[in-house]
Amino acid sequence: MHDNLRAVIANVVARISGHSTNSAVYDHTQAKHIHVSGSVSQTSVHVYDHDRGAHVSGSHSQLYDHGKGAHISLQLRGAQFNGYDHGTGHHYSGNIRSRSVTIYDHQTGQHHHYQV
């Protein structure tokens, strides 16, 4: 999964679960802030990654990355979530604790940490 797409997923998950309303996420892997504007409601996601210049939109369970032209599935259960990036063909999983999100990307085989 693209570095910025992981950061967008972290932001979206935090906003869906009510842990954050921020439009920025700090990506510890890239050591920088990613600005993610737009809306996340109880039924839909419409956000824009300013760093990458790409929209991500759809329902909570099925997002579409307009930058890569690929779907991303997302299942959120309490503090745990998982999904599949159809653009890379790899699964991801993670958890959220307060304003901290961790994503394990099966493509990189690493945990990635975010502050939201």
Protein backbone atom coordinates (compact mmCIF):
# COMPACT_ATOMS: atom_id res chain seq x y z
CA MET A 1 0.00 0.00 0.00
CA HIS A 2 1.26 3.47 -0.83
CA ASP A 3 2.62 5.35 2.23
CA ASN A 4 0.11 8.18 1.90
CA LEU A 5 -2.81 5.83 1.36
CA ARG A 6 -1.98 4.15 4.68
CA ALA A 7 -2.02 7.61 6.32
CA VAL A 8 -5.40 8.37 4.74
CA ILE A 9 -6.77 5.03 6.01
CA ALA A 10 -5.48 5.91 9.51
CA ASN A 11 -7.25 9.29 9.31
CA VAL A 12 -10.49 7.79 8.01
CA VAL A 13 -10.55 5.03 10.64
CA ALA A 14 -9.96 7.58 13.42
CA ARG A 15 -12.75 9.80 12.11
CA ILE A 16 -15.24 6.94 11.64
CA SER A 17 -14.58 5.65 15.15
CA GLY A 18 -14.85 9.12 16.69
CA HIS A 19 -11.25 9.24 17.93
CA SER A 20 -10.39 12.29 15.83
CA THR A 21 -11.89 15.08 13.76
CA ASN A 22 -8.50 16.34 12.60
CA SER A 23 -7.73 16.88 8.95
CA ALA A 24 -4.08 16.00 9.50
CA VAL A 25 -2.28 12.83 10.40
CA TYR A 26 1.35 12.47 11.44
CA ASP A 27 3.01 9.56 9.64
CA HIS A 28 5.93 8.27 11.73
CA THR A 29 7.20 6.17 8.80
CA GLN A 30 7.59 9.24 6.57
CA ALA A 31 8.26 11.57 9.53
CA LYS A 32 5.79 14.17 8.25
CA HIS A 33 2.23 15.46 8.50
CA ILE A 34 -0.25 14.53 5.77
CA HIS A 35 -3.17 16.94 5.26
CA VAL A 36 -6.44 15.07 4.59
CA SER A 37 -9.42 17.36 4.02
CA GLY A 38 -13.02 16.42 3.35
CA SER A 39 -15.85 14.69 5.11
CA VAL A 40 -16.36 11.40 6.87
CA SER A 41 -20.00 10.82 7.85
CA GLN A 42 -21.85 7.83 9.28
CA THR A 43 -22.44 6.53 5.74
CA SER A 44 -19.75 7.88 3.42
CA VAL A 45 -16.17 9.05 2.98
CA HIS A 46 -15.08 11.90 0.70
CA VAL A 47 -11.51 12.98 1.52
CA TYR A 48 -8.60 14.51 -0.37
CA ASP A 49 -4.92 13.75 0.25
CA HIS A 50 -3.22 17.10 -0.44
CA ASP A 51 0.26 15.59 -0.40
CA ARG A 52 -0.52 13.06 -3.12
CA GLY A 53 -3.20 15.12 -4.86
CA ALA A 54 -5.76 12.31 -4.81
CA HIS A 55 -9.33 11.76 -3.64
CA VAL A 56 -10.46 8.73 -1.65
CA SER A 57 -14.21 8.20 -1.49
CA GLY A 58 -16.94 5.66 -1.01
CA SER A 59 -18.73 3.87 1.79
CA HIS A 60 -17.02 2.89 5.04
CA SER A 61 -16.59 -0.68 3.84
CA GLN A 62 -15.62 -0.02 0.20
CA LEU A 63 -13.39 2.94 -0.61
CA TYR A 64 -11.98 3.99 -3.96
CA ASP A 65 -8.52 5.52 -4.34
CA HIS A 66 -8.86 7.87 -7.32
CA GLY A 67 -5.08 8.39 -7.42
CA LYS A 68 -4.31 4.72 -8.04
CA GLY A 69 -7.65 3.79 -9.59
CA ALA A 70 -8.21 0.95 -7.13
CA HIS A 71 -10.71 -0.17 -4.51
CA ILE A 72 -9.82 -0.59 -0.84
CA SER A 73 -12.01 -2.67 1.43
CA LEU A 74 -12.25 -1.69 5.09
CA GLN A 75 -13.87 -3.48 8.01
CA LEU A 76 -13.90 -1.69 11.36
CA ARG A 77 -14.83 -3.61 14.51
CA GLY A 78 -14.39 -1.57 17.66
CA ALA A 79 -10.71 -0.69 17.97
CA GLN A 80 -9.66 -3.24 15.34
CA PHE A 81 -9.83 -2.96 11.56
CA ASN A 82 -8.66 -4.80 8.47
CA GLY A 83 -9.00 -4.65 4.75
CA TYR A 84 -7.62 -5.34 1.32
CA ASP A 85 -5.90 -2.98 -1.10
CA HIS A 86 -6.94 -4.12 -4.58
CA GLY A 87 -4.29 -1.84 -6.10
CA THR A 88 -1.43 -3.82 -4.58
CA GLY A 89 -3.20 -7.11 -3.96
CA HIS A 90 -2.31 -7.13 -0.26
CA HIS A 91 -4.19 -7.20 3.03
CA TYR A 92 -3.71 -4.78 5.91
CA SER A 93 -4.88 -4.74 9.50
CA GLY A 94 -4.61 -2.42 12.46
CA ASN A 95 -5.91 -0.94 15.64
CA ILE A 96 -6.69 2.43 17.09
CA ARG A 97 -6.01 3.58 20.64
CA SER A 98 -7.08 7.09 21.49
CA ARG A 99 -5.30 9.24 18.87
CA SER A 100 -2.78 6.58 17.83
CA VAL A 101 -3.33 4.26 14.86
CA THR A 102 -1.12 1.30 13.94
CA ILE A 103 -1.42 -0.41 10.56
CA TYR A 104 0.27 -3.68 9.66
CA ASP A 105 0.76 -3.72 5.89
CA HIS A 106 1.20 -7.26 4.53
CA GLN A 107 2.92 -5.81 1.45
CA THR A 108 5.75 -4.24 3.46
CA GLY A 109 5.62 -6.77 6.29
CA GLN A 110 5.87 -3.88 8.75
CA HIS A 111 3.83 -1.99 11.33
CA HIS A 112 3.29 1.71 10.54
CA HIS A 113 2.34 4.23 13.23
CA TYR A 114 0.23 7.38 12.97
CA GLN A 115 -0.96 10.17 15.26
CA VAL A 116 -4.38 11.52 14.33
